[in-house]
Amino acid sequence: MYDTYIPDKGLIETFFRIDNRINRKRYIKRMFAIVGIPFVLDLVLNIAFVIVGAEVLEEAKLASVLGLLTLIPSLALMIRRLHDLSRPAWWVIATFIPLLNLVLGLYLLFARGTYGPNEYGPDPIEGCK
């Protein structure tokens, strides 16, 4: 375990790492990237499908693939955010339970992380000062 917070370097560490903590600001920015990039890509492809005249089924398949591609990185970010709140990774199971997923999402967005180091690593805010 590290004594001071070491920021992520590179795409893999940013979106696929689960062994550290992430504060609210970084969590929100990275979740917007995970949701925003496929949204824009889907919008562009929808326009292309309308121009070409492709079937709706092809578009639905593509949207499903884009959704699956964002699942792993978003779960990894949720786990790191839970670690910042001193909660275990298995809490991410609540993501798949209706209504409980809304409560978890609001908790991850608005709760302040643990002050100072916890069992999951050093405080990410103190490491940035």
Protein backbone atom coordinates (compact mmCIF):
# COMPACT_ATOMS: atom_id res chain seq x y z
CA MET A 1 0.00 0.00 0.00
CA TYR A 2 1.20 3.51 -0.72
CA ASP A 3 1.74 6.18 1.95
CA THR A 4 0.77 8.99 -0.42
CA TYR A 5 -1.76 9.05 -3.22
CA ILE A 6 -0.34 8.30 -6.67
CA PRO A 7 -2.56 9.63 -9.50
CA ASP A 8 -3.55 7.37 -12.37
CA LYS A 9 -1.37 7.35 -15.45
CA GLY A 10 -2.79 6.14 -18.72
CA LEU A 11 -6.12 4.84 -19.90
CA ILE A 12 -5.91 1.40 -18.27
CA GLU A 13 -5.16 2.76 -14.78
CA THR A 14 -7.80 5.45 -15.16
CA PHE A 15 -10.71 3.17 -16.04
CA PHE A 16 -9.80 -0.41 -15.10
CA ARG A 17 -7.98 -0.16 -11.77
CA ILE A 18 -9.87 -1.21 -8.61
CA ASP A 19 -7.15 -1.18 -5.96
CA ASN A 20 -7.23 2.48 -4.92
CA ARG A 21 -9.58 5.34 -4.10
CA ILE A 22 -11.15 8.04 -6.27
CA ASN A 23 -12.74 11.27 -5.06
CA ARG A 24 -16.08 12.72 -6.19
CA LYS A 25 -14.67 15.15 -8.75
CA ARG A 26 -12.64 12.52 -10.59
CA TYR A 27 -15.49 10.02 -10.34
CA ILE A 28 -17.98 12.41 -11.95
CA LYS A 29 -15.57 13.42 -14.72
CA ARG A 30 -14.71 9.83 -15.58
CA MET A 31 -18.32 8.66 -15.49
CA PHE A 32 -19.24 11.47 -17.88
CA ALA A 33 -16.49 10.24 -20.20
CA ILE A 34 -17.74 6.66 -19.98
CA VAL A 35 -21.32 7.71 -20.71
CA GLY A 36 -20.59 10.61 -23.07
CA ILE A 37 -18.26 8.98 -25.57
CA PRO A 38 -20.60 6.07 -26.41
CA PHE A 39 -23.55 8.51 -26.49
CA VAL A 40 -21.86 10.69 -29.12
CA LEU A 41 -20.70 7.62 -31.04
CA ASP A 42 -24.23 6.19 -30.98
CA LEU A 43 -25.66 9.52 -32.16
CA VAL A 44 -23.24 9.64 -35.10
CA LEU A 45 -23.99 6.03 -36.01
CA ASN A 46 -27.75 6.66 -35.77
CA ILE A 47 -27.41 9.48 -38.27
CA ALA A 48 -25.34 7.22 -40.51
CA PHE A 49 -27.95 4.43 -40.26
CA VAL A 50 -30.73 6.88 -41.22
CA ILE A 51 -28.75 8.11 -44.21
CA VAL A 52 -27.87 4.59 -45.37
CA GLY A 53 -31.31 3.21 -44.48
CA ALA A 54 -30.12 0.37 -42.23
CA GLU A 55 -32.52 -1.64 -40.11
CA VAL A 56 -33.38 -0.82 -36.51
CA LEU A 57 -32.14 -4.25 -35.41
CA GLU A 58 -28.58 -3.41 -36.44
CA GLU A 59 -28.77 -0.19 -34.43
CA ALA A 60 -30.07 -2.05 -31.36
CA LYS A 61 -27.21 -4.56 -31.57
CA LEU A 62 -24.70 -1.75 -31.76
CA ALA A 63 -26.22 0.04 -28.76
CA SER A 64 -26.04 -3.20 -26.77
CA VAL A 65 -22.37 -3.63 -27.61
CA LEU A 66 -21.62 -0.04 -26.61
CA GLY A 67 -23.42 -0.60 -23.30
CA LEU A 68 -21.43 -3.74 -22.57
CA LEU A 69 -18.16 -1.98 -23.38
CA THR A 70 -18.88 0.64 -20.73
CA LEU A 71 -19.95 -1.84 -18.03
CA ILE A 72 -16.50 -2.93 -16.79
CA PRO A 73 -14.96 0.56 -16.56
CA SER A 74 -18.02 1.99 -14.80
CA LEU A 75 -18.03 -0.86 -12.27
CA ALA A 76 -14.30 -0.34 -11.65
CA LEU A 77 -14.89 3.37 -11.00
CA MET A 78 -17.77 2.56 -8.65
CA ILE A 79 -15.56 0.17 -6.69
CA ARG A 80 -12.87 2.80 -6.30
CA ARG A 81 -15.46 5.36 -5.21
CA LEU A 82 -16.83 2.89 -2.66
CA HIS A 83 -13.28 2.41 -1.39
CA ASP A 84 -13.04 6.18 -0.90
CA LEU A 85 -16.16 5.93 1.26
CA SER A 86 -14.66 3.01 3.27
CA ARG A 87 -17.18 0.59 1.81
CA PRO A 88 -16.37 -2.87 0.41
CA ALA A 89 -16.45 -3.60 -3.32
CA TRP A 90 -19.37 -6.04 -3.05
CA TRP A 91 -21.68 -3.03 -2.56
CA VAL A 92 -21.49 -2.64 -6.35
CA ILE A 93 -24.05 -5.49 -6.53
CA ALA A 94 -26.67 -2.85 -5.63
CA THR A 95 -26.17 -1.48 -9.14
CA PHE A 96 -28.24 -4.37 -10.49
CA ILE A 97 -31.14 -3.99 -7.99
CA PRO A 98 -33.86 -1.53 -9.05
CA LEU A 99 -34.37 1.50 -6.77
CA LEU A 100 -31.38 0.48 -4.67
CA ASN A 101 -29.19 1.41 -7.65
CA LEU A 102 -30.58 4.97 -7.50
CA VAL A 103 -29.75 5.24 -3.80
CA LEU A 104 -26.23 3.91 -4.42
CA GLY A 105 -25.74 6.30 -7.34
CA LEU A 106 -26.73 9.32 -5.25
CA TYR A 107 -24.53 8.13 -2.40
CA LEU A 108 -21.53 7.81 -4.73
CA LEU A 109 -22.16 11.26 -6.20
CA PHE A 110 -22.76 13.27 -3.05
CA ALA A 111 -21.10 11.60 -0.05
CA ARG A 112 -17.73 12.97 1.01
CA GLY A 113 -14.97 10.36 1.13
CA THR A 114 -13.19 9.29 4.27
CA TYR A 115 -10.80 11.89 5.68
CA GLY A 116 -7.21 10.71 5.57
CA PRO A 117 -6.08 7.20 4.72
CA ASN A 118 -8.35 4.20 5.15
CA GLU A 119 -7.91 0.46 4.59
CA TYR A 120 -8.12 0.97 0.81
CA GLY A 121 -5.40 3.59 0.46
CA PRO A 122 -4.39 7.20 1.08
CA ASP A 123 -6.77 10.13 0.73
CA PRO A 124 -6.89 11.18 -2.95
CA ILE A 125 -7.62 14.81 -2.07
CA GLU A 126 -4.64 15.17 0.26
CA GLY A 127 -2.40 13.65 -2.41
CA CYS A 128 -3.31 16.42 -4.86
CA LYS A 129 -2.35 19.35 -2.63
